[in-house]
Amino acid sequence: MKRVWIAILVSAQLLLGAIAAQSEVFVYPAKGQSADQQGKDEYECSKWAKSQSGVDPSAPAAQPVAGEHARGTVGGAARGAAVGAGIGAIAGDAGKGAAIGAVAGGVRGRRGSMAQQQAAGQEERNAYDRAFAVCVEGRGYTAK
């Protein structure tokens, strides 16, 4: 059981790292701008993108609301226990089925709430990236 939780936590951390790596905008000086000019333009565009999107990618990520993961885990466990008890009753051991269902449902409930938070964070970062790209493209750069 402990190994399952460790595997889930490691997978979530790897997924978060992959998402963060995907949200970077690369800027190329398409009109021969100097490195100094590009740095100034990127700084100004970063400030503008923050004001337009309301997202500051340099700020620490918001922490989940206290109990948010617990509610997902408990709700999933309750649903899983109910389904597991029904299946267990058919197989002849409702208690064992409920226990297995509770564990599986708890894992699924926790994973669901984490995935929702990751998706929301990615949407916010995408809004910032789009605003930043619009700004630097308006200043004569290519952004990808």
C-alpha atoms as a PDB file:
ATOM      1  CA  MET A   1       0.000   0.000   0.000  1.00  0.00           C
ATOM      2  CA  LYS A   2       2.807   2.400   0.917  1.00  0.00           C
ATOM      3  CA  ARG A   3       4.501   1.675  -2.408  1.00  0.00           C
ATOM      4  CA  VAL A   4       1.331   2.606  -4.283  1.00  0.00           C
ATOM      5  CA  TRP A   5       1.215   6.048  -2.622  1.00  0.00           C
ATOM      6  CA  ILE A   6       4.911   6.628  -3.293  1.00  0.00           C
ATOM      7  CA  ALA A   7       4.449   5.689  -6.952  1.00  0.00           C
ATOM      8  CA  ILE A   8       1.481   8.047  -7.255  1.00  0.00           C
ATOM      9  CA  LEU A   9       3.356  10.949  -5.655  1.00  0.00           C
ATOM     10  CA  VAL A  10       6.442  10.422  -7.830  1.00  0.00           C
ATOM     11  CA  SER A  11       4.273  10.252 -10.962  1.00  0.00           C
ATOM     12  CA  ALA A  12       2.506  13.484 -10.014  1.00  0.00           C
ATOM     13  CA  GLN A  13       5.821  15.273  -9.467  1.00  0.00           C
ATOM     14  CA  LEU A  14       7.126  14.099 -12.840  1.00  0.00           C
ATOM     15  CA  LEU A  15       3.924  15.245 -14.526  1.00  0.00           C
ATOM     16  CA  LEU A  16       4.168  18.684 -12.918  1.00  0.00           C
ATOM     17  CA  GLY A  17       7.760  19.015 -14.123  1.00  0.00           C
ATOM     18  CA  ALA A  18       6.765  18.056 -17.662  1.00  0.00           C
ATOM     19  CA  ILE A  19       3.939  20.585 -17.677  1.00  0.00           C
ATOM     20  CA  ALA A  20       6.212  23.349 -16.417  1.00  0.00           C
ATOM     21  CA  ALA A  21       8.798  22.546 -19.105  1.00  0.00           C
ATOM     22  CA  GLN A  22       6.177  22.792 -21.855  1.00  0.00           C
ATOM     23  CA  SER A  23       5.106  26.324 -20.988  1.00  0.00           C
ATOM     24  CA  GLU A  24       8.201  28.236 -22.059  1.00  0.00           C
ATOM     25  CA  VAL A  25       8.159  30.776 -24.901  1.00  0.00           C
ATOM     26  CA  PHE A  26      11.279  31.021 -27.041  1.00  0.00           C
ATOM     27  CA  VAL A  27      12.021  34.438 -28.569  1.00  0.00           C
ATOM     28  CA  TYR A  28      14.139  35.077 -31.664  1.00  0.00           C
ATOM     29  CA  PRO A  29      15.204  38.581 -32.787  1.00  0.00           C
ATOM     30  CA  ALA A  30      13.687  38.566 -36.302  1.00  0.00           C
ATOM     31  CA  LYS A  31      14.771  42.139 -37.134  1.00  0.00           C
ATOM     32  CA  GLY A  32      18.359  42.061 -35.897  1.00  0.00           C
ATOM     33  CA  GLN A  33      17.662  43.421 -32.415  1.00  0.00           C
ATOM     34  CA  SER A  34      20.664  43.424 -30.070  1.00  0.00           C
ATOM     35  CA  ALA A  35      20.823  41.168 -27.019  1.00  0.00           C
ATOM     36  CA  ASP A  36      20.440  44.242 -24.776  1.00  0.00           C
ATOM     37  CA  GLN A  37      17.367  45.407 -26.676  1.00  0.00           C
ATOM     38  CA  GLN A  38      15.884  41.909 -26.578  1.00  0.00           C
ATOM     39  CA  GLY A  39      16.406  41.740 -22.805  1.00  0.00           C
ATOM     40  CA  LYS A  40      14.646  45.096 -22.324  1.00  0.00           C
ATOM     41  CA  ASP A  41      11.784  44.106 -24.620  1.00  0.00           C
ATOM     42  CA  GLU A  42      11.311  40.743 -22.916  1.00  0.00           C
ATOM     43  CA  TYR A  43      11.294  42.409 -19.491  1.00  0.00           C
ATOM     44  CA  GLU A  44       8.661  44.951 -20.577  1.00  0.00           C
ATOM     45  CA  CYS A  45       6.598  42.247 -22.271  1.00  0.00           C
ATOM     46  CA  SER A  46       6.787  40.105 -19.140  1.00  0.00           C
ATOM     47  CA  LYS A  47       5.372  42.974 -17.057  1.00  0.00           C
ATOM     48  CA  TRP A  48       2.650  43.563 -19.651  1.00  0.00           C
ATOM     49  CA  ALA A  49       1.754  39.850 -19.846  1.00  0.00           C
ATOM     50  CA  LYS A  50       1.451  39.722 -16.033  1.00  0.00           C
ATOM     51  CA  SER A  51      -0.925  42.690 -16.062  1.00  0.00           C
ATOM     52  CA  GLN A  52      -3.022  41.263 -18.904  1.00  0.00           C
ATOM     53  CA  SER A  53      -3.239  37.664 -17.687  1.00  0.00           C
ATOM     54  CA  GLY A  54      -3.079  38.193 -13.928  1.00  0.00           C
ATOM     55  CA  VAL A  55      -0.415  35.458 -13.790  1.00  0.00           C
ATOM     56  CA  ASP A  56       3.106  35.847 -12.431  1.00  0.00           C
ATOM     57  CA  PRO A  57       5.081  32.742 -13.461  1.00  0.00           C
ATOM     58  CA  SER A  58       7.972  33.736 -11.184  1.00  0.00           C
ATOM     59  CA  ALA A  59       5.720  33.608  -8.100  1.00  0.00           C
ATOM     60  CA  PRO A  60       5.533  30.360  -6.123  1.00  0.00           C
ATOM     61  CA  ALA A  61       2.658  28.105  -7.096  1.00  0.00           C
ATOM     62  CA  ALA A  62      -0.473  28.508  -5.003  1.00  0.00           C
ATOM     63  CA  GLN A  63      -0.826  25.835  -2.364  1.00  0.00           C
ATOM     64  CA  PRO A  64      -4.023  23.787  -2.373  1.00  0.00           C
ATOM     65  CA  VAL A  65      -6.732  24.754   0.069  1.00  0.00           C
ATOM     66  CA  ALA A  66      -6.338  22.877   3.350  1.00  0.00           C
ATOM     67  CA  GLY A  67      -8.241  19.635   3.168  1.00  0.00           C
ATOM     68  CA  GLU A  68      -8.790  19.745  -0.608  1.00  0.00           C
ATOM     69  CA  HIS A  69      -6.845  16.532  -1.227  1.00  0.00           C
ATOM     70  CA  ALA A  70      -8.420  14.926   1.812  1.00  0.00           C
ATOM     71  CA  ARG A  71     -11.934  15.667   0.528  1.00  0.00           C
ATOM     72  CA  GLY A  72     -11.079  14.118  -2.847  1.00  0.00           C
ATOM     73  CA  THR A  73      -9.545  11.083  -1.179  1.00  0.00           C
ATOM     74  CA  VAL A  74     -12.376  10.595   1.317  1.00  0.00           C
ATOM     75  CA  GLY A  75     -15.113  11.121  -1.278  1.00  0.00           C
ATOM     76  CA  GLY A  76     -13.431   8.716  -3.668  1.00  0.00           C
ATOM     77  CA  ALA A  77     -12.942   6.182  -0.891  1.00  0.00           C
ATOM     78  CA  ALA A  78     -16.621   6.357   0.088  1.00  0.00           C
ATOM     79  CA  ARG A  79     -17.771   5.840  -3.502  1.00  0.00           C
ATOM     80  CA  GLY A  80     -15.246   3.049  -3.986  1.00  0.00           C
ATOM     81  CA  ALA A  81     -16.317   1.330  -0.771  1.00  0.00           C
ATOM     82  CA  ALA A  82     -19.958   1.380  -1.850  1.00  0.00           C
ATOM     83  CA  VAL A  83     -19.180  -0.103  -5.260  1.00  0.00           C
ATOM     84  CA  GLY A  84     -16.724  -2.596  -3.735  1.00  0.00           C
ATOM     85  CA  ALA A  85     -19.274  -3.734  -1.145  1.00  0.00           C
ATOM     86  CA  GLY A  86     -21.789  -4.421  -3.899  1.00  0.00           C
ATOM     87  CA  ILE A  87     -19.299  -6.414  -5.929  1.00  0.00           C
ATOM     88  CA  GLY A  88     -18.033  -8.163  -2.792  1.00  0.00           C
ATOM     89  CA  ALA A  89     -21.591  -9.121  -1.811  1.00  0.00           C
ATOM     90  CA  ILE A  90     -22.032 -10.817  -5.167  1.00  0.00           C
ATOM     91  CA  ALA A  91     -18.701 -12.624  -4.700  1.00  0.00           C
ATOM     92  CA  GLY A  92     -19.567 -13.584  -1.119  1.00  0.00           C
ATOM     93  CA  ASP A  93     -17.420 -11.147   0.928  1.00  0.00           C
ATOM     94  CA  ALA A  94     -18.906  -7.635   1.080  1.00  0.00           C
ATOM     95  CA  GLY A  95     -16.384  -6.434   3.711  1.00  0.00           C
ATOM     96  CA  LYS A  96     -13.355  -7.376   1.635  1.00  0.00           C
ATOM     97  CA  GLY A  97     -14.914  -5.831  -1.481  1.00  0.00           C
ATOM     98  CA  ALA A  98     -15.649  -2.613   0.408  1.00  0.00           C
ATOM     99  CA  ALA A  99     -12.048  -2.396   1.661  1.00  0.00           C
ATOM    100  CA  ILE A 100     -10.591  -2.891  -1.814  1.00  0.00           C
ATOM    101  CA  GLY A 101     -13.051  -0.410  -3.297  1.00  0.00           C
ATOM    102  CA  ALA A 102     -12.245   2.194  -0.643  1.00  0.00           C
ATOM    103  CA  VAL A 103      -8.524   2.030  -1.381  1.00  0.00           C
ATOM    104  CA  ALA A 104      -9.017   2.212  -5.145  1.00  0.00           C
ATOM    105  CA  GLY A 105     -11.582   4.996  -4.843  1.00  0.00           C
ATOM    106  CA  GLY A 106      -9.383   7.007  -2.483  1.00  0.00           C
ATOM    107  CA  VAL A 107      -6.463   6.854  -4.902  1.00  0.00           C
ATOM    108  CA  ARG A 108      -8.710   7.858  -7.781  1.00  0.00           C
ATOM    109  CA  GLY A 109     -10.301  10.734  -5.810  1.00  0.00           C
ATOM    110  CA  ARG A 110      -6.915  12.142  -4.833  1.00  0.00           C
ATOM    111  CA  ARG A 111      -5.564  11.797  -8.354  1.00  0.00           C
ATOM    112  CA  GLY A 112      -8.650  13.564  -9.728  1.00  0.00           C
ATOM    113  CA  SER A 113      -8.269  16.616  -7.486  1.00  0.00           C
ATOM    114  CA  MET A 114      -4.536  16.869  -8.285  1.00  0.00           C
ATOM    115  CA  ALA A 115      -5.227  16.651 -12.018  1.00  0.00           C
ATOM    116  CA  GLN A 116      -7.821  19.433 -11.767  1.00  0.00           C
ATOM    117  CA  GLN A 117      -5.333  21.713  -9.992  1.00  0.00           C
ATOM    118  CA  GLN A 118      -2.628  20.952 -12.560  1.00  0.00           C
ATOM    119  CA  ALA A 119      -4.986  21.709 -15.445  1.00  0.00           C
ATOM    120  CA  ALA A 120      -6.013  25.030 -13.890  1.00  0.00           C
ATOM    121  CA  GLY A 121      -2.378  26.009 -13.357  1.00  0.00           C
ATOM    122  CA  GLN A 122      -1.532  25.096 -16.942  1.00  0.00           C
ATOM    123  CA  GLU A 123      -4.431  27.189 -18.287  1.00  0.00           C
ATOM    124  CA  GLU A 124      -3.219  30.195 -16.290  1.00  0.00           C
ATOM    125  CA  ARG A 125       0.340  29.771 -17.540  1.00  0.00           C
ATOM    126  CA  ASN A 126      -0.924  29.440 -21.122  1.00  0.00           C
ATOM    127  CA  ALA A 127      -2.730  32.792 -20.759  1.00  0.00           C
ATOM    128  CA  TYR A 128       0.518  34.433 -19.645  1.00  0.00           C
ATOM    129  CA  ASP A 129       2.505  32.779 -22.457  1.00  0.00           C
ATOM    130  CA  ARG A 130      -0.004  33.939 -25.101  1.00  0.00           C
ATOM    131  CA  ALA A 131       0.112  37.527 -23.804  1.00  0.00           C
ATOM    132  CA  PHE A 132       3.918  37.488 -23.689  1.00  0.00           C
ATOM    133  CA  ALA A 133       4.146  36.099 -27.242  1.00  0.00           C
ATOM    134  CA  VAL A 134       1.742  38.747 -28.587  1.00  0.00           C
ATOM    135  CA  CYS A 135       3.835  41.490 -27.010  1.00  0.00           C
ATOM    136  CA  VAL A 136       7.232  40.323 -28.305  1.00  0.00           C
ATOM    137  CA  GLU A 137       5.810  39.622 -31.767  1.00  0.00           C
ATOM    138  CA  GLY A 138       4.484  43.187 -31.808  1.00  0.00           C
ATOM    139  CA  ARG A 139       8.046  44.368 -31.161  1.00  0.00           C
ATOM    140  CA  GLY A 140       9.451  42.499 -34.134  1.00  0.00           C
ATOM    141  CA  TYR A 141      10.470  39.138 -32.642  1.00  0.00           C
ATOM    142  CA  THR A 142       9.475  35.609 -33.551  1.00  0.00           C
ATOM    143  CA  ALA A 143       7.975  33.724 -30.590  1.00  0.00           C
ATOM    144  CA  LYS A 144       7.364  29.968 -30.346  1.00  0.00           C
END
